[in-house]
């Protein structure tokens, strides 16, 4: 999960969601604008995921042609092959995109509480 694409994906999800929620409450953006931002963000995240899949495919093809690269393929696949479950941030963006702002807020609040507990536990 320390790969630049994965880190970038998580950062995009988190930061965009935080700005959306903050501005929805302050009146900085309207619900329809938040939905558009969420849709564009989800589309960008899909591009990042497709790039990860392309990298995995490249290493797979290389390892099939040159067995010496099998170990490298296995390593890269393990690092980049992320579960298809949606992160809390992406779930919240999807909820905003579908117009369910209350659900998005609940998801975001739960994620913040979990992060706070993880931070305290790791201190």
C-alpha atoms as a PDB file:
ATOM      1  CA  UNK A   1       0.000   0.000   0.000  1.00  0.00           C
ATOM      2  CA  UNK A   2       3.054   2.227   0.063  1.00  0.00           C
ATOM      3  CA  UNK A   3       3.159   2.450  -3.723  1.00  0.00           C
ATOM      4  CA  UNK A   4       2.847   6.016  -5.061  1.00  0.00           C
ATOM      5  CA  UNK A   5      -0.356   5.227  -6.988  1.00  0.00           C
ATOM      6  CA  UNK A   6      -2.085   3.756  -3.933  1.00  0.00           C
ATOM      7  CA  UNK A   7      -0.926   6.565  -1.688  1.00  0.00           C
ATOM      8  CA  UNK A   8      -2.063   9.085  -4.280  1.00  0.00           C
ATOM      9  CA  UNK A   9      -5.435   7.389  -4.601  1.00  0.00           C
ATOM     10  CA  UNK A  10      -6.026   7.408  -0.857  1.00  0.00           C
ATOM     11  CA  UNK A  11      -4.871  10.997  -0.563  1.00  0.00           C
ATOM     12  CA  UNK A  12      -7.175  12.151  -3.361  1.00  0.00           C
ATOM     13  CA  UNK A  13     -10.140  10.353  -1.769  1.00  0.00           C
ATOM     14  CA  UNK A  14      -9.476  11.765   1.694  1.00  0.00           C
ATOM     15  CA  UNK A  15      -8.628  15.344   0.787  1.00  0.00           C
ATOM     16  CA  UNK A  16     -11.464  15.818  -1.692  1.00  0.00           C
ATOM     17  CA  UNK A  17     -13.960  14.370   0.758  1.00  0.00           C
ATOM     18  CA  UNK A  18     -12.762  16.641   3.554  1.00  0.00           C
ATOM     19  CA  UNK A  19     -13.136  19.744   1.365  1.00  0.00           C
ATOM     20  CA  UNK A  20     -16.577  18.650   0.154  1.00  0.00           C
ATOM     21  CA  UNK A  21     -17.898  18.038   3.673  1.00  0.00           C
ATOM     22  CA  UNK A  22     -16.419  21.272   5.041  1.00  0.00           C
ATOM     23  CA  UNK A  23     -17.840  23.361   2.208  1.00  0.00           C
ATOM     24  CA  UNK A  24     -21.250  21.706   2.278  1.00  0.00           C
ATOM     25  CA  UNK A  25     -21.612  22.707   5.929  1.00  0.00           C
ATOM     26  CA  UNK A  26     -20.271  26.221   5.406  1.00  0.00           C
ATOM     27  CA  UNK A  27     -22.304  26.814   2.263  1.00  0.00           C
ATOM     28  CA  UNK A  28     -19.195  27.083   0.099  1.00  0.00           C
ATOM     29  CA  UNK A  29     -20.627  24.619  -2.410  1.00  0.00           C
ATOM     30  CA  UNK A  30     -24.083  23.356  -3.206  1.00  0.00           C
ATOM     31  CA  UNK A  31     -25.128  19.709  -3.101  1.00  0.00           C
ATOM     32  CA  UNK A  32     -25.187  19.477  -6.894  1.00  0.00           C
ATOM     33  CA  UNK A  33     -21.639  20.849  -7.098  1.00  0.00           C
ATOM     34  CA  UNK A  34     -20.526  18.323  -4.472  1.00  0.00           C
ATOM     35  CA  UNK A  35     -22.069  15.557  -6.552  1.00  0.00           C
ATOM     36  CA  UNK A  36     -20.148  16.718  -9.633  1.00  0.00           C
ATOM     37  CA  UNK A  37     -16.886  16.874  -7.690  1.00  0.00           C
ATOM     38  CA  UNK A  38     -17.519  13.386  -6.292  1.00  0.00           C
ATOM     39  CA  UNK A  39     -18.234  12.012  -9.762  1.00  0.00           C
ATOM     40  CA  UNK A  40     -15.054  13.530 -11.204  1.00  0.00           C
ATOM     41  CA  UNK A  41     -13.016  12.251  -8.259  1.00  0.00           C
ATOM     42  CA  UNK A  42     -14.375   8.720  -8.611  1.00  0.00           C
ATOM     43  CA  UNK A  43     -13.527   8.794 -12.320  1.00  0.00           C
ATOM     44  CA  UNK A  44      -9.954   9.852 -11.565  1.00  0.00           C
ATOM     45  CA  UNK A  45      -9.587   7.093  -8.979  1.00  0.00           C
ATOM     46  CA  UNK A  46     -10.703   4.597 -11.624  1.00  0.00           C
ATOM     47  CA  UNK A  47      -7.879   5.854 -13.879  1.00  0.00           C
ATOM     48  CA  UNK A  48      -5.355   5.300 -11.095  1.00  0.00           C
ATOM     49  CA  UNK A  49      -6.671   1.762 -10.549  1.00  0.00           C
ATOM     50  CA  UNK A  50      -6.454   1.002 -14.277  1.00  0.00           C
ATOM     51  CA  UNK A  51      -2.857   2.181 -14.264  1.00  0.00           C
ATOM     52  CA  UNK A  52      -2.124  -0.228 -11.395  1.00  0.00           C
ATOM     53  CA  UNK A  53      -3.752  -3.062 -13.344  1.00  0.00           C
ATOM     54  CA  UNK A  54      -1.618  -2.209 -16.404  1.00  0.00           C
ATOM     55  CA  UNK A  55       1.532  -2.394 -14.309  1.00  0.00           C
ATOM     56  CA  UNK A  56       0.508  -5.795 -12.961  1.00  0.00           C
ATOM     57  CA  UNK A  57      -0.259  -7.032 -16.484  1.00  0.00           C
ATOM     58  CA  UNK A  58       3.157  -5.855 -17.702  1.00  0.00           C
ATOM     59  CA  UNK A  59       4.964  -7.794 -14.988  1.00  0.00           C
ATOM     60  CA  UNK A  60       2.784 -10.843 -15.572  1.00  0.00           C
ATOM     61  CA  UNK A  61       3.603 -10.860 -19.290  1.00  0.00           C
ATOM     62  CA  UNK A  62       7.286 -10.343 -18.533  1.00  0.00           C
ATOM     63  CA  UNK A  63       7.328 -13.226 -16.052  1.00  0.00           C
ATOM     64  CA  UNK A  64       5.595 -15.520 -18.533  1.00  0.00           C
ATOM     65  CA  UNK A  65       8.208 -14.746 -21.192  1.00  0.00           C
ATOM     66  CA  UNK A  66      11.178 -14.710 -18.821  1.00  0.00           C
ATOM     67  CA  UNK A  67      10.713 -16.947 -15.753  1.00  0.00           C
ATOM     68  CA  UNK A  68      13.444 -15.075 -13.863  1.00  0.00           C
ATOM     69  CA  UNK A  69      10.905 -12.248 -13.429  1.00  0.00           C
ATOM     70  CA  UNK A  70       8.313 -14.454 -11.670  1.00  0.00           C
ATOM     71  CA  UNK A  71       9.490 -13.330  -8.217  1.00  0.00           C
ATOM     72  CA  UNK A  72       9.302  -9.680  -9.236  1.00  0.00           C
ATOM     73  CA  UNK A  73       5.807 -10.182 -10.673  1.00  0.00           C
ATOM     74  CA  UNK A  74       4.652 -11.833  -7.455  1.00  0.00           C
ATOM     75  CA  UNK A  75       6.087  -8.973  -5.406  1.00  0.00           C
ATOM     76  CA  UNK A  76       4.534  -6.234  -7.545  1.00  0.00           C
ATOM     77  CA  UNK A  77       1.205  -8.035  -7.698  1.00  0.00           C
ATOM     78  CA  UNK A  78       1.137  -8.255  -3.903  1.00  0.00           C
ATOM     79  CA  UNK A  79       1.942  -4.569  -3.544  1.00  0.00           C
ATOM     80  CA  UNK A  80      -0.480  -3.260  -6.149  1.00  0.00           C
ATOM     81  CA  UNK A  81      -3.346  -5.732  -6.194  1.00  0.00           C
ATOM     82  CA  UNK A  82      -5.654  -3.979  -3.773  1.00  0.00           C
ATOM     83  CA  UNK A  83      -8.898  -5.426  -2.540  1.00  0.00           C
ATOM     84  CA  UNK A  84     -11.872  -4.197  -4.518  1.00  0.00           C
ATOM     85  CA  UNK A  85     -13.669  -3.140  -1.379  1.00  0.00           C
ATOM     86  CA  UNK A  86     -14.272   0.563  -1.278  1.00  0.00           C
ATOM     87  CA  UNK A  87     -12.451   2.607   1.306  1.00  0.00           C
ATOM     88  CA  UNK A  88     -14.528   4.680   3.692  1.00  0.00           C
ATOM     89  CA  UNK A  89     -13.548   7.815   1.800  1.00  0.00           C
ATOM     90  CA  UNK A  90     -14.607   6.383  -1.520  1.00  0.00           C
ATOM     91  CA  UNK A  91     -17.876   5.134  -0.019  1.00  0.00           C
ATOM     92  CA  UNK A  92     -18.553   8.666   1.181  1.00  0.00           C
ATOM     93  CA  UNK A  93     -17.730  10.141  -2.240  1.00  0.00           C
ATOM     94  CA  UNK A  94     -20.074   7.613  -3.849  1.00  0.00           C
ATOM     95  CA  UNK A  95     -22.799   8.569  -1.381  1.00  0.00           C
ATOM     96  CA  UNK A  96     -22.321  12.250  -2.236  1.00  0.00           C
ATOM     97  CA  UNK A  97     -22.409  11.418  -5.932  1.00  0.00           C
ATOM     98  CA  UNK A  98     -25.738   9.632  -5.416  1.00  0.00           C
ATOM     99  CA  UNK A  99     -27.077  12.598  -3.441  1.00  0.00           C
ATOM    100  CA  UNK A 100     -27.056  10.927  -0.006  1.00  0.00           C
ATOM    101  CA  UNK A 101     -25.169  13.618   1.909  1.00  0.00           C
ATOM    102  CA  UNK A 102     -26.280  12.404   5.347  1.00  0.00           C
ATOM    103  CA  UNK A 103     -24.907   8.915   4.663  1.00  0.00           C
ATOM    104  CA  UNK A 104     -21.660  10.431   3.366  1.00  0.00           C
ATOM    105  CA  UNK A 105     -21.303  12.464   6.547  1.00  0.00           C
ATOM    106  CA  UNK A 106     -21.876   9.403   8.743  1.00  0.00           C
ATOM    107  CA  UNK A 107     -19.294   7.404   6.778  1.00  0.00           C
ATOM    108  CA  UNK A 108     -16.768  10.245   7.026  1.00  0.00           C
ATOM    109  CA  UNK A 109     -17.349  10.723  10.756  1.00  0.00           C
ATOM    110  CA  UNK A 110     -16.903   7.003  11.402  1.00  0.00           C
ATOM    111  CA  UNK A 111     -13.659   7.019   9.401  1.00  0.00           C
ATOM    112  CA  UNK A 112     -12.373  10.009  11.377  1.00  0.00           C
ATOM    113  CA  UNK A 113     -13.125   8.295  14.681  1.00  0.00           C
ATOM    114  CA  UNK A 114     -11.387   5.106  13.519  1.00  0.00           C
ATOM    115  CA  UNK A 115      -8.349   7.088  12.398  1.00  0.00           C
ATOM    116  CA  UNK A 116      -8.216   8.887  15.737  1.00  0.00           C
ATOM    117  CA  UNK A 117      -8.329   5.592  17.617  1.00  0.00           C
ATOM    118  CA  UNK A 118      -5.607   4.096  15.390  1.00  0.00           C
ATOM    119  CA  UNK A 119      -3.437   7.156  15.962  1.00  0.00           C
ATOM    120  CA  UNK A 120      -3.856   6.923  19.734  1.00  0.00           C
ATOM    121  CA  UNK A 121      -3.199   3.180  19.701  1.00  0.00           C
ATOM    122  CA  UNK A 122       0.033   3.678  17.733  1.00  0.00           C
ATOM    123  CA  UNK A 123       1.329   6.422  20.053  1.00  0.00           C
END
